[in-house]
């Protein structure tokens, strides 16, 4: 390493320390954290730490209107789904798959 490199390195260190000299930040300073708990419902008997999560759950959900199943293939259709969308108007034919014996055994067992 040459002397010019050392001088450049020393200058960089001085510039970095000069950047933080003007700031009035003290590392040992205590910071007070205030929690806003006004909107959280209070429980009379047991404190539930997850109450803030469950307090904002909607009471009802959006439901799609019921639609009749496809008359050709019997699949479940959704609102605004065009006719023949599920099987591409006869272009797609799904083969019936046999249920694997191991899966049948799991369904039929009493364990």
PDB file of N, CA and C in Angstrom:
ATOM      1  N   UNK A   1       0.848  -1.161   0.000  1.00  0.00           N
ATOM      2  CA  UNK A   1       0.000   0.000   0.000  1.00  0.00           C
ATOM      3  C   UNK A   1       0.900   1.233   0.000  1.00  0.00           C
ATOM      4  N   UNK A   2       0.525   2.197  -0.788  1.00  0.00           N
ATOM      5  CA  UNK A   2       1.337   3.415  -0.884  1.00  0.00           C
ATOM      6  C   UNK A   2       0.829   4.459   0.088  1.00  0.00           C
ATOM      7  N   UNK A   3       1.613   5.486   0.254  1.00  0.00           N
ATOM      8  CA  UNK A   3       1.213   6.560   1.162  1.00  0.00           C
ATOM      9  C   UNK A   3       0.012   7.324   0.644  1.00  0.00           C
ATOM     10  N   UNK A   4      -0.142   7.415  -0.652  1.00  0.00           N
ATOM     11  CA  UNK A   4      -1.302   8.132  -1.190  1.00  0.00           C
ATOM     12  C   UNK A   4      -2.593   7.374  -0.879  1.00  0.00           C
ATOM     13  N   UNK A   5      -2.531   6.014  -0.877  1.00  0.00           N
ATOM     14  CA  UNK A   5      -3.708   5.222  -0.518  1.00  0.00           C
ATOM     15  C   UNK A   5      -4.083   5.436   0.941  1.00  0.00           C
ATOM     16  N   UNK A   6      -3.090   5.508   1.798  1.00  0.00           N
ATOM     17  CA  UNK A   6      -3.365   5.727   3.220  1.00  0.00           C
ATOM     18  C   UNK A   6      -4.010   7.081   3.449  1.00  0.00           C
ATOM     19  N   UNK A   7      -3.552   8.078   2.732  1.00  0.00           N
ATOM     20  CA  UNK A   7      -4.106   9.418   2.894  1.00  0.00           C
ATOM     21  C   UNK A   7      -5.558   9.442   2.430  1.00  0.00           C
ATOM     22  N   UNK A   8      -5.851   8.782   1.301  1.00  0.00           N
ATOM     23  CA  UNK A   8      -7.227   8.730   0.805  1.00  0.00           C
ATOM     24  C   UNK A   8      -8.116   7.992   1.800  1.00  0.00           C
ATOM     25  N   UNK A   9      -7.632   6.888   2.349  1.00  0.00           N
ATOM     26  CA  UNK A   9      -8.415   6.132   3.320  1.00  0.00           C
ATOM     27  C   UNK A   9      -8.667   6.967   4.569  1.00  0.00           C
ATOM     28  N   UNK A  10      -7.678   7.650   5.047  1.00  0.00           N
ATOM     29  CA  UNK A  10      -7.852   8.498   6.229  1.00  0.00           C
ATOM     30  C   UNK A  10      -8.833   9.618   5.951  1.00  0.00           C
ATOM     31  N   UNK A  11      -8.790  10.194   4.757  1.00  0.00           N
ATOM     32  CA  UNK A  11      -9.726  11.256   4.417  1.00  0.00           C
ATOM     33  C   UNK A  11     -11.158  10.733   4.395  1.00  0.00           C
ATOM     34  N   UNK A  12     -11.374   9.513   3.851  1.00  0.00           N
ATOM     35  CA  UNK A  12     -12.714   8.940   3.814  1.00  0.00           C
ATOM     36  C   UNK A  12     -13.264   8.748   5.221  1.00  0.00           C
ATOM     37  N   UNK A  13     -12.443   8.273   6.123  1.00  0.00           N
ATOM     38  CA  UNK A  13     -12.883   8.059   7.494  1.00  0.00           C
ATOM     39  C   UNK A  13     -13.271   9.379   8.141  1.00  0.00           C
ATOM     40  N   UNK A  14     -12.501  10.410   7.884  1.00  0.00           N
ATOM     41  CA  UNK A  14     -12.812  11.711   8.468  1.00  0.00           C
ATOM     42  C   UNK A  14     -14.116  12.269   7.910  1.00  0.00           C
ATOM     43  N   UNK A  15     -14.371  12.067   6.612  1.00  0.00           N
ATOM     44  CA  UNK A  15     -15.614  12.551   6.016  1.00  0.00           C
ATOM     45  C   UNK A  15     -16.814  11.829   6.614  1.00  0.00           C
ATOM     46  N   UNK A  16     -16.686  10.522   6.833  1.00  0.00           N
ATOM     47  CA  UNK A  16     -17.789   9.767   7.416  1.00  0.00           C
ATOM     48  C   UNK A  16     -18.080  10.235   8.832  1.00  0.00           C
ATOM     49  N   UNK A  17     -17.060  10.472   9.600  1.00  0.00           N
ATOM     50  CA  UNK A  17     -17.295  10.928  10.970  1.00  0.00           C
ATOM     51  C   UNK A  17     -17.845  12.340  10.983  1.00  0.00           C
ATOM     52  N   UNK A  18     -17.450  13.166  10.005  1.00  0.00           N
ATOM     53  CA  UNK A  18     -17.966  14.529   9.934  1.00  0.00           C
ATOM     54  C   UNK A  18     -19.455  14.543   9.597  1.00  0.00           C
ATOM     55  N   UNK A  19     -19.932  13.551   8.835  1.00  0.00           N
ATOM     56  CA  UNK A  19     -21.349  13.502   8.480  1.00  0.00           C
ATOM     57  C   UNK A  19     -22.212  13.371   9.726  1.00  0.00           C
ATOM     58  N   UNK A  20     -21.748  12.613  10.707  1.00  0.00           N
ATOM     59  CA  UNK A  20     -22.555  12.331  11.884  1.00  0.00           C
ATOM     60  C   UNK A  20     -22.262  13.276  13.043  1.00  0.00           C
ATOM     61  N   UNK A  21     -21.298  14.158  12.902  1.00  0.00           N
ATOM     62  CA  UNK A  21     -20.968  15.075  13.991  1.00  0.00           C
ATOM     63  C   UNK A  21     -22.077  16.075  14.256  1.00  0.00           C
ATOM     64  N   UNK A  22     -22.805  16.499  13.223  1.00  0.00           N
ATOM     65  CA  UNK A  22     -23.834  17.519  13.395  1.00  0.00           C
ATOM     66  C   UNK A  22     -25.135  16.956  13.949  1.00  0.00           C
ATOM     67  N   UNK A  23     -25.277  15.654  13.979  1.00  0.00           N
ATOM     68  CA  UNK A  23     -26.516  15.063  14.470  1.00  0.00           C
ATOM     69  C   UNK A  23     -26.460  14.941  15.986  1.00  0.00           C
ATOM     70  N   UNK A  24     -27.576  15.254  16.627  1.00  0.00           N
ATOM     71  CA  UNK A  24     -27.649  15.199  18.091  1.00  0.00           C
ATOM     72  C   UNK A  24     -28.247  13.872  18.536  1.00  0.00           C
ATOM     73  N   UNK A  25     -27.741  12.791  18.024  1.00  0.00           N
ATOM     74  CA  UNK A  25     -28.258  11.478  18.381  1.00  0.00           C
ATOM     75  C   UNK A  25     -27.399  10.894  19.478  1.00  0.00           C
ATOM     76  N   UNK A  26     -28.044  10.417  20.528  1.00  0.00           N
ATOM     77  CA  UNK A  26     -27.329   9.808  21.641  1.00  0.00           C
ATOM     78  C   UNK A  26     -27.783   8.355  21.722  1.00  0.00           C
ATOM     79  N   UNK A  27     -26.845   7.430  21.709  1.00  0.00           N
ATOM     80  CA  UNK A  27     -27.168   6.014  21.695  1.00  0.00           C
ATOM     81  C   UNK A  27     -27.754   5.497  22.991  1.00  0.00           C
ATOM     82  N   UNK A  28     -27.492   6.133  24.122  1.00  0.00           N
ATOM     83  CA  UNK A  28     -27.983   5.658  25.413  1.00  0.00           C
ATOM     84  C   UNK A  28     -29.342   6.241  25.767  1.00  0.00           C
ATOM     85  N   UNK A  29     -29.953   6.951  24.861  1.00  0.00           N
ATOM     86  CA  UNK A  29     -31.209   7.627  25.129  1.00  0.00           C
ATOM     87  C   UNK A  29     -32.358   6.617  25.172  1.00  0.00           C
ATOM     88  N   UNK A  30     -33.233   6.701  26.178  1.00  0.00           N
ATOM     89  CA  UNK A  30     -34.396   5.826  26.278  1.00  0.00           C
ATOM     90  C   UNK A  30     -35.502   6.355  25.382  1.00  0.00           C
ATOM     91  N   UNK A  31     -36.156   5.452  24.667  1.00  0.00           N
ATOM     92  CA  UNK A  31     -37.254   5.821  23.787  1.00  0.00           C
ATOM     93  C   UNK A  31     -38.522   5.218  24.360  1.00  0.00           C
ATOM     94  N   UNK A  32     -39.548   6.038  24.525  1.00  0.00           N
ATOM     95  CA  UNK A  32     -40.814   5.571  25.064  1.00  0.00           C
ATOM     96  C   UNK A  32     -41.719   5.156  23.910  1.00  0.00           C
ATOM     97  N   UNK A  33     -42.215   3.922  23.962  1.00  0.00           N
ATOM     98  CA  UNK A  33     -43.109   3.407  22.939  1.00  0.00           C
ATOM     99  C   UNK A  33     -44.523   3.470  23.485  1.00  0.00           C
ATOM    100  N   UNK A  34     -45.407   4.149  22.748  1.00  0.00           N
ATOM    101  CA  UNK A  34     -46.794   4.273  23.175  1.00  0.00           C
ATOM    102  C   UNK A  34     -47.660   3.423  22.261  1.00  0.00           C
ATOM    103  N   UNK A  35     -48.424   2.521  22.844  1.00  0.00           N
ATOM    104  CA  UNK A  35     -49.345   1.688  22.082  1.00  0.00           C
ATOM    105  C   UNK A  35     -50.715   2.342  22.091  1.00  0.00           C
ATOM    106  N   UNK A  36     -51.338   2.419  20.918  1.00  0.00           N
ATOM    107  CA  UNK A  36     -52.685   2.962  20.824  1.00  0.00           C
ATOM    108  C   UNK A  36     -53.668   1.813  21.038  1.00  0.00           C
ATOM    109  N   UNK A  37     -54.209   1.712  22.223  1.00  0.00           N
ATOM    110  CA  UNK A  37     -55.107   0.614  22.565  1.00  0.00           C
ATOM    111  C   UNK A  37     -56.538   1.090  22.753  1.00  0.00           C
ATOM    112  N   UNK A  38     -56.860   2.299  22.297  1.00  0.00           N
ATOM    113  CA  UNK A  38     -58.217   2.809  22.479  1.00  0.00           C
ATOM    114  C   UNK A  38     -59.238   2.029  21.660  1.00  0.00           C
ATOM    115  N   UNK A  39     -58.869   1.574  20.463  1.00  0.00           N
ATOM    116  CA  UNK A  39     -59.801   0.882  19.589  1.00  0.00           C
ATOM    117  C   UNK A  39     -59.938  -0.595  19.882  1.00  0.00           C
ATOM    118  N   UNK A  40     -59.156  -1.125  20.802  1.00  0.00           N
ATOM    119  CA  UNK A  40     -59.189  -2.552  21.101  1.00  0.00           C
ATOM    120  C   UNK A  40     -60.229  -2.812  22.187  1.00  0.00           C
ATOM    121  N   UNK A  41     -61.178  -3.724  21.925  1.00  0.00           N
ATOM    122  CA  UNK A  41     -62.152  -4.037  22.964  1.00  0.00           C
ATOM    123  C   UNK A  41     -61.484  -4.699  24.166  1.00  0.00           C
ATOM    124  N   UNK A  42     -61.920  -4.334  25.344  1.00  0.00           N
ATOM    125  CA  UNK A  42     -61.355  -4.869  26.584  1.00  0.00           C
ATOM    126  C   UNK A  42     -62.109  -6.127  26.998  1.00  0.00           C
ATOM    127  N   UNK A  43     -61.379  -7.134  27.400  1.00  0.00           N
ATOM    128  CA  UNK A  43     -61.971  -8.357  27.913  1.00  0.00           C
ATOM    129  C   UNK A  43     -62.012  -8.256  29.431  1.00  0.00           C
ATOM    130  N   UNK A  44     -63.111  -8.669  30.014  1.00  0.00           N
ATOM    131  CA  UNK A  44     -63.257  -8.507  31.453  1.00  0.00           C
ATOM    132  C   UNK A  44     -62.477  -9.546  32.249  1.00  0.00           C
ATOM    133  N   UNK A  45     -62.323 -10.766  31.727  1.00  0.00           N
ATOM    134  CA  UNK A  45     -61.709 -11.796  32.551  1.00  0.00           C
ATOM    135  C   UNK A  45     -60.291 -12.171  32.108  1.00  0.00           C
ATOM    136  N   UNK A  46     -60.093 -12.488  30.845  1.00  0.00           N
ATOM    137  CA  UNK A  46     -58.805 -12.989  30.384  1.00  0.00           C
ATOM    138  C   UNK A  46     -58.304 -12.112  29.241  1.00  0.00           C
ATOM    139  N   UNK A  47     -57.045 -11.744  29.312  1.00  0.00           N
ATOM    140  CA  UNK A  47     -56.445 -10.938  28.247  1.00  0.00           C
ATOM    141  C   UNK A  47     -56.109 -11.824  27.055  1.00  0.00           C
ATOM    142  N   UNK A  48     -56.615 -11.471  25.883  1.00  0.00           N
ATOM    143  CA  UNK A  48     -56.339 -12.212  24.655  1.00  0.00           C
ATOM    144  C   UNK A  48     -55.373 -11.399  23.808  1.00  0.00           C
ATOM    145  N   UNK A  49     -54.143 -11.870  23.614  1.00  0.00           N
ATOM    146  CA  UNK A  49     -53.174 -11.086  22.843  1.00  0.00           C
ATOM    147  C   UNK A  49     -53.544 -10.969  21.366  1.00  0.00           C
ATOM    148  N   UNK A  50     -54.440 -11.805  20.869  1.00  0.00           N
ATOM    149  CA  UNK A  50     -54.825 -11.771  19.463  1.00  0.00           C
ATOM    150  C   UNK A  50     -56.127 -11.010  19.225  1.00  0.00           C
ATOM    151  N   UNK A  51     -56.651 -10.361  20.232  1.00  0.00           N
ATOM    152  CA  UNK A  51     -57.922  -9.655  20.101  1.00  0.00           C
ATOM    153  C   UNK A  51     -57.857  -8.571  19.029  1.00  0.00           C
ATOM    154  N   UNK A  52     -56.721  -7.918  18.893  1.00  0.00           N
ATOM    155  CA  UNK A  52     -56.594  -6.868  17.877  1.00  0.00           C
ATOM    156  C   UNK A  52     -56.706  -7.458  16.473  1.00  0.00           C
ATOM    157  N   UNK A  53     -56.280  -8.700  16.290  1.00  0.00           N
ATOM    158  CA  UNK A  53     -56.378  -9.358  14.986  1.00  0.00           C
ATOM    159  C   UNK A  53     -57.830  -9.710  14.688  1.00  0.00           C
ATOM    160  N   UNK A  54     -58.525 -10.260  15.666  1.00  0.00           N
ATOM    161  CA  UNK A  54     -59.883 -10.731  15.451  1.00  0.00           C
ATOM    162  C   UNK A  54     -60.923  -9.623  15.518  1.00  0.00           C
ATOM    163  N   UNK A  55     -60.570  -8.454  15.993  1.00  0.00           N
ATOM    164  CA  UNK A  55     -61.553  -7.389  16.142  1.00  0.00           C
ATOM    165  C   UNK A  55     -61.919  -6.748  14.809  1.00  0.00           C
ATOM    166  N   UNK A  56     -61.153  -6.994  13.756  1.00  0.00           N
ATOM    167  CA  UNK A  56     -61.395  -6.346  12.474  1.00  0.00           C
ATOM    168  C   UNK A  56     -61.921  -7.321  11.419  1.00  0.00           C
ATOM    169  N   UNK A  57     -62.451  -8.454  11.806  1.00  0.00           N
ATOM    170  CA  UNK A  57     -62.972  -9.439  10.856  1.00  0.00           C
ATOM    171  C   UNK A  57     -64.382  -9.022  10.442  1.00  0.00           C
ATOM    172  N   UNK A  58     -64.677  -9.006   9.134  1.00  0.00           N
ATOM    173  CA  UNK A  58     -66.025  -8.614   8.700  1.00  0.00           C
ATOM    174  C   UNK A  58     -67.072  -9.625   9.155  1.00  0.00           C
ATOM    175  N   UNK A  59     -68.286  -9.142   9.350  1.00  0.00           N
ATOM    176  CA  UNK A  59     -69.373  -9.994   9.827  1.00  0.00           C
ATOM    177  C   UNK A  59     -69.987 -10.830   8.704  1.00  0.00           C
ATOM    178  N   UNK A  60     -69.939 -10.333   7.458  1.00  0.00           N
ATOM    179  CA  UNK A  60     -70.483 -11.103   6.346  1.00  0.00           C
ATOM    180  C   UNK A  60     -69.473 -11.118   5.205  1.00  0.00           C
ATOM    181  N   UNK A  61     -69.657 -12.052   4.294  1.00  0.00           N
ATOM    182  CA  UNK A  61     -68.734 -12.193   3.172  1.00  0.00           C
ATOM    183  C   UNK A  61     -69.501 -12.091   1.865  1.00  0.00           C
ATOM    184  N   UNK A  62     -68.786 -11.789   0.802  1.00  0.00           N
ATOM    185  CA  UNK A  62     -69.399 -11.709  -0.518  1.00  0.00           C
ATOM    186  C   UNK A  62     -69.627 -13.122  -1.045  1.00  0.00           C
ATOM    187  N   UNK A  63     -70.828 -13.380  -1.495  1.00  0.00           N
ATOM    188  CA  UNK A  63     -71.160 -14.697  -2.035  1.00  0.00           C
ATOM    189  C   UNK A  63     -71.596 -14.534  -3.487  1.00  0.00           C
ATOM    190  N   UNK A  64     -71.122 -15.439  -4.341  1.00  0.00           N
ATOM    191  CA  UNK A  64     -71.577 -15.457  -5.724  1.00  0.00           C
ATOM    192  C   UNK A  64     -72.989 -16.023  -5.785  1.00  0.00           C
ATOM    193  N   UNK A  65     -73.749 -15.571  -6.771  1.00  0.00           N
ATOM    194  CA  UNK A  65     -75.100 -16.101  -6.940  1.00  0.00           C
ATOM    195  C   UNK A  65     -75.010 -17.551  -7.401  1.00  0.00           C
ATOM    196  N   UNK A  66     -75.896 -18.413  -6.887  1.00  0.00           N
ATOM    197  CA  UNK A  66     -75.862 -19.817  -7.313  1.00  0.00           C
ATOM    198  C   UNK A  66     -76.258 -19.939  -8.787  1.00  0.00           C
ATOM    199  N   UNK A  67     -75.551 -20.790  -9.498  1.00  0.00           N
ATOM    200  CA  UNK A  67     -75.792 -21.021 -10.920  1.00  0.00           C
ATOM    201  C   UNK A  67     -75.960 -22.525 -11.115  1.00  0.00           C
ATOM    202  N   UNK A  68     -76.837 -22.912 -12.039  1.00  0.00           N
ATOM    203  CA  UNK A  68     -77.044 -24.338 -12.311  1.00  0.00           C
ATOM    204  C   UNK A  68     -75.772 -24.953 -12.874  1.00  0.00           C
ATOM    205  N   UNK A  69     -75.578 -26.232 -12.563  1.00  0.00           N
ATOM    206  CA  UNK A  69     -74.431 -26.964 -13.097  1.00  0.00           C
ATOM    207  C   UNK A  69     -74.572 -27.135 -14.605  1.00  0.00           C
ATOM    208  N   UNK A  70     -73.464 -27.413 -15.256  1.00  0.00           N
ATOM    209  CA  UNK A  70     -73.451 -27.615 -16.706  1.00  0.00           C
ATOM    210  C   UNK A  70     -74.324 -28.819 -17.059  1.00  0.00           C
ATOM    211  N   UNK A  71     -75.238 -28.643 -18.029  1.00  0.00           N
ATOM    212  CA  UNK A  71     -76.124 -29.755 -18.389  1.00  0.00           C
ATOM    213  C   UNK A  71     -75.418 -30.820 -19.216  1.00  0.00           C
ATOM    214  N   UNK A  72     -74.292 -30.495 -19.834  1.00  0.00           N
ATOM    215  CA  UNK A  72     -73.577 -31.473 -20.656  1.00  0.00           C
ATOM    216  C   UNK A  72     -72.647 -32.345 -19.816  1.00  0.00           C
ATOM    217  N   UNK A  73     -71.801 -31.703 -18.975  1.00  0.00           N
ATOM    218  CA  UNK A  73     -70.802 -32.490 -18.237  1.00  0.00           C
ATOM    219  C   UNK A  73     -71.043 -32.508 -16.728  1.00  0.00           C
ATOM    220  N   UNK A  74     -71.974 -31.682 -16.221  1.00  0.00           N
ATOM    221  CA  UNK A  74     -72.323 -31.707 -14.807  1.00  0.00           C
ATOM    222  C   UNK A  74     -71.361 -30.969 -13.886  1.00  0.00           C
ATOM    223  N   UNK A  75     -70.423 -30.209 -14.430  1.00  0.00           N
ATOM    224  CA  UNK A  75     -69.475 -29.493 -13.569  1.00  0.00           C
ATOM    225  C   UNK A  75     -70.127 -28.272 -12.934  1.00  0.00           C
ATOM    226  N   UNK A  76     -69.571 -27.848 -11.830  1.00  0.00           N
ATOM    227  CA  UNK A  76     -70.039 -26.666 -11.118  1.00  0.00           C
ATOM    228  C   UNK A  76     -69.656 -25.430 -11.912  1.00  0.00           C
ATOM    229  N   UNK A  77     -70.611 -24.555 -12.149  1.00  0.00           N
ATOM    230  CA  UNK A  77     -70.348 -23.324 -12.886  1.00  0.00           C
ATOM    231  C   UNK A  77     -70.397 -22.140 -11.933  1.00  0.00           C
ATOM    232  N   UNK A  78     -69.753 -21.063 -12.334  1.00  0.00           N
ATOM    233  CA  UNK A  78     -69.740 -19.831 -11.563  1.00  0.00           C
ATOM    234  C   UNK A  78     -70.542 -18.762 -12.294  1.00  0.00           C
ATOM    235  N   UNK A  79     -70.930 -17.751 -11.542  1.00  0.00           N
ATOM    236  CA  UNK A  79     -71.674 -16.638 -12.109  1.00  0.00           C
ATOM    237  C   UNK A  79     -70.875 -16.000 -13.254  1.00  0.00           C
ATOM    238  N   UNK A  80     -71.545 -15.654 -14.318  1.00  0.00           N
ATOM    239  CA  UNK A  80     -70.976 -15.008 -15.516  1.00  0.00           C
ATOM    240  C   UNK A  80     -70.048 -15.921 -16.311  1.00  0.00           C
ATOM    241  N   UNK A  81     -70.033 -17.216 -16.041  1.00  0.00           N
ATOM    242  CA  UNK A  81     -69.221 -18.145 -16.827  1.00  0.00           C
ATOM    243  C   UNK A  81     -69.997 -18.497 -18.098  1.00  0.00           C
ATOM    244  N   UNK A  82     -69.375 -18.364 -19.267  1.00  0.00           N
ATOM    245  CA  UNK A  82     -70.122 -18.624 -20.504  1.00  0.00           C
ATOM    246  C   UNK A  82     -70.459 -20.104 -20.671  1.00  0.00           C
ATOM    247  N   UNK A  83     -71.494 -20.354 -21.465  1.00  0.00           N
ATOM    248  CA  UNK A  83     -71.928 -21.723 -21.727  1.00  0.00           C
ATOM    249  C   UNK A  83     -70.828 -22.460 -22.486  1.00  0.00           C
ATOM    250  N   UNK A  84     -70.537 -23.687 -22.086  1.00  0.00           N
ATOM    251  CA  UNK A  84     -69.521 -24.491 -22.749  1.00  0.00           C
ATOM    252  C   UNK A  84     -68.103 -24.159 -22.334  1.00  0.00           C
ATOM    253  N   UNK A  85     -67.926 -23.303 -21.359  1.00  0.00           N
ATOM    254  CA  UNK A  85     -66.580 -22.914 -20.924  1.00  0.00           C
ATOM    255  C   UNK A  85     -65.836 -24.084 -20.290  1.00  0.00           C
ATOM    256  N   UNK A  86     -66.542 -24.935 -19.570  1.00  0.00           N
ATOM    257  CA  UNK A  86     -65.897 -26.018 -18.829  1.00  0.00           C
ATOM    258  C   UNK A  86     -65.346 -27.103 -19.747  1.00  0.00           C
ATOM    259  N   UNK A  87     -65.964 -27.357 -20.885  1.00  0.00           N
ATOM    260  CA  UNK A  87     -65.500 -28.432 -21.764  1.00  0.00           C
ATOM    261  C   UNK A  87     -65.216 -27.916 -23.177  1.00  0.00           C
ATOM    262  N   UNK A  88     -65.153 -26.601 -23.347  1.00  0.00           N
ATOM    263  CA  UNK A  88     -64.865 -25.962 -24.643  1.00  0.00           C
ATOM    264  C   UNK A  88     -65.836 -26.451 -25.717  1.00  0.00           C
ATOM    265  N   UNK A  89     -67.100 -26.501 -25.344  1.00  0.00           N
ATOM    266  CA  UNK A  89     -68.188 -26.897 -26.252  1.00  0.00           C
ATOM    267  C   UNK A  89     -67.947 -28.251 -26.905  1.00  0.00           C
ATOM    268  N   UNK A  90     -67.493 -29.219 -26.123  1.00  0.00           N
ATOM    269  CA  UNK A  90     -67.302 -30.583 -26.592  1.00  0.00           C
ATOM    270  C   UNK A  90     -65.909 -30.884 -27.104  1.00  0.00           C
ATOM    271  N   UNK A  91     -65.011 -29.914 -27.128  1.00  0.00           N
ATOM    272  CA  UNK A  91     -63.653 -30.146 -27.624  1.00  0.00           C
ATOM    273  C   UNK A  91     -62.792 -30.883 -26.608  1.00  0.00           C
ATOM    274  N   UNK A  92     -63.121 -30.774 -25.326  1.00  0.00           N
ATOM    275  CA  UNK A  92     -62.329 -31.417 -24.277  1.00  0.00           C
ATOM    276  C   UNK A  92     -63.146 -32.555 -23.688  1.00  0.00           C
ATOM    277  N   UNK A  93     -62.524 -33.720 -23.611  1.00  0.00           N
ATOM    278  CA  UNK A  93     -63.175 -34.877 -23.003  1.00  0.00           C
ATOM    279  C   UNK A  93     -62.235 -35.428 -21.939  1.00  0.00           C
ATOM    280  N   UNK A  94     -62.716 -35.470 -20.710  1.00  0.00           N
ATOM    281  CA  UNK A  94     -61.920 -35.992 -19.603  1.00  0.00           C
ATOM    282  C   UNK A  94     -62.201 -37.476 -19.428  1.00  0.00           C
ATOM    283  N   UNK A  95     -61.152 -38.239 -19.256  1.00  0.00           N
ATOM    284  CA  UNK A  95     -61.296 -39.675 -19.028  1.00  0.00           C
ATOM    285  C   UNK A  95     -61.582 -39.915 -17.556  1.00  0.00           C
ATOM    286  N   UNK A  96     -62.467 -40.876 -17.280  1.00  0.00           N
ATOM    287  CA  UNK A  96     -62.715 -41.260 -15.895  1.00  0.00           C
ATOM    288  C   UNK A  96     -61.517 -42.041 -15.390  1.00  0.00           C
ATOM    289  N   UNK A  97     -60.954 -41.589 -14.312  1.00  0.00           N
ATOM    290  CA  UNK A  97     -59.791 -42.256 -13.734  1.00  0.00           C
ATOM    291  C   UNK A  97     -60.259 -43.233 -12.667  1.00  0.00           C
ATOM    292  N   UNK A  98     -59.681 -44.418 -12.662  1.00  0.00           N
ATOM    293  CA  UNK A  98     -59.976 -45.385 -11.610  1.00  0.00           C
ATOM    294  C   UNK A  98     -59.283 -44.932 -10.333  1.00  0.00           C
ATOM    295  N   UNK A  99     -59.982 -45.089  -9.218  1.00  0.00           N
ATOM    296  CA  UNK A  99     -59.401 -44.724  -7.933  1.00  0.00           C
ATOM    297  C   UNK A  99     -58.336 -45.741  -7.562  1.00  0.00           C
ATOM    298  N   UNK A 100     -57.133 -45.290  -7.200  1.00  0.00           N
ATOM    299  CA  UNK A 100     -56.073 -46.228  -6.814  1.00  0.00           C
ATOM    300  C   UNK A 100     -56.500 -47.072  -5.616  1.00  0.00           C
ATOM    301  N   UNK A 101     -56.118 -48.356  -5.592  1.00  0.00           N
ATOM    302  CA  UNK A 101     -56.535 -49.246  -4.502  1.00  0.00           C
ATOM    303  C   UNK A 101     -56.089 -48.752  -3.122  1.00  0.00           C
ATOM    304  N   UNK A 102     -54.902 -48.164  -3.032  1.00  0.00           N
ATOM    305  CA  UNK A 102     -54.436 -47.667  -1.729  1.00  0.00           C
ATOM    306  C   UNK A 102     -55.333 -46.545  -1.211  1.00  0.00           C
ATOM    307  N   UNK A 103     -55.786 -45.682  -2.098  1.00  0.00           N
ATOM    308  CA  UNK A 103     -56.677 -44.597  -1.699  1.00  0.00           C
ATOM    309  C   UNK A 103     -58.040 -45.143  -1.287  1.00  0.00           C
ATOM    310  N   UNK A 104     -58.530 -46.124  -2.009  1.00  0.00           N
ATOM    311  CA  UNK A 104     -59.799 -46.760  -1.638  1.00  0.00           C
ATOM    312  C   UNK A 104     -59.696 -47.409  -0.265  1.00  0.00           C
ATOM    313  N   UNK A 105     -58.559 -48.049   0.009  1.00  0.00           N
ATOM    314  CA  UNK A 105     -58.354 -48.691   1.308  1.00  0.00           C
ATOM    315  C   UNK A 105     -58.362 -47.642   2.431  1.00  0.00           C
ATOM    316  N   UNK A 106     -57.767 -46.468   2.181  1.00  0.00           N
ATOM    317  CA  UNK A 106     -57.782 -45.402   3.185  1.00  0.00           C
ATOM    318  C   UNK A 106     -59.198 -44.911   3.457  1.00  0.00           C
ATOM    319  N   UNK A 107     -59.992 -44.771   2.408  1.00  0.00           N
ATOM    320  CA  UNK A 107     -61.363 -44.313   2.574  1.00  0.00           C
ATOM    321  C   UNK A 107     -62.219 -45.334   3.307  1.00  0.00           C
ATOM    322  N   UNK A 108     -61.990 -46.610   3.043  1.00  0.00           N
ATOM    323  CA  UNK A 108     -62.840 -47.662   3.580  1.00  0.00           C
ATOM    324  C   UNK A 108     -62.397 -48.173   4.953  1.00  0.00           C
ATOM    325  N   UNK A 109     -61.186 -47.851   5.364  1.00  0.00           N
ATOM    326  CA  UNK A 109     -60.685 -48.403   6.633  1.00  0.00           C
ATOM    327  C   UNK A 109     -61.342 -47.701   7.816  1.00  0.00           C
ATOM    328  N   UNK A 110     -61.378 -48.407   8.934  1.00  0.00           N
ATOM    329  CA  UNK A 110     -61.972 -47.885  10.157  1.00  0.00           C
ATOM    330  C   UNK A 110     -60.925 -47.391  11.145  1.00  0.00           C
ATOM    331  N   UNK A 111     -59.686 -47.291  10.712  1.00  0.00           N
ATOM    332  CA  UNK A 111     -58.607 -46.880  11.630  1.00  0.00           C
ATOM    333  C   UNK A 111     -58.647 -45.413  11.922  1.00  0.00           C
TER     334      UNK A 111
END
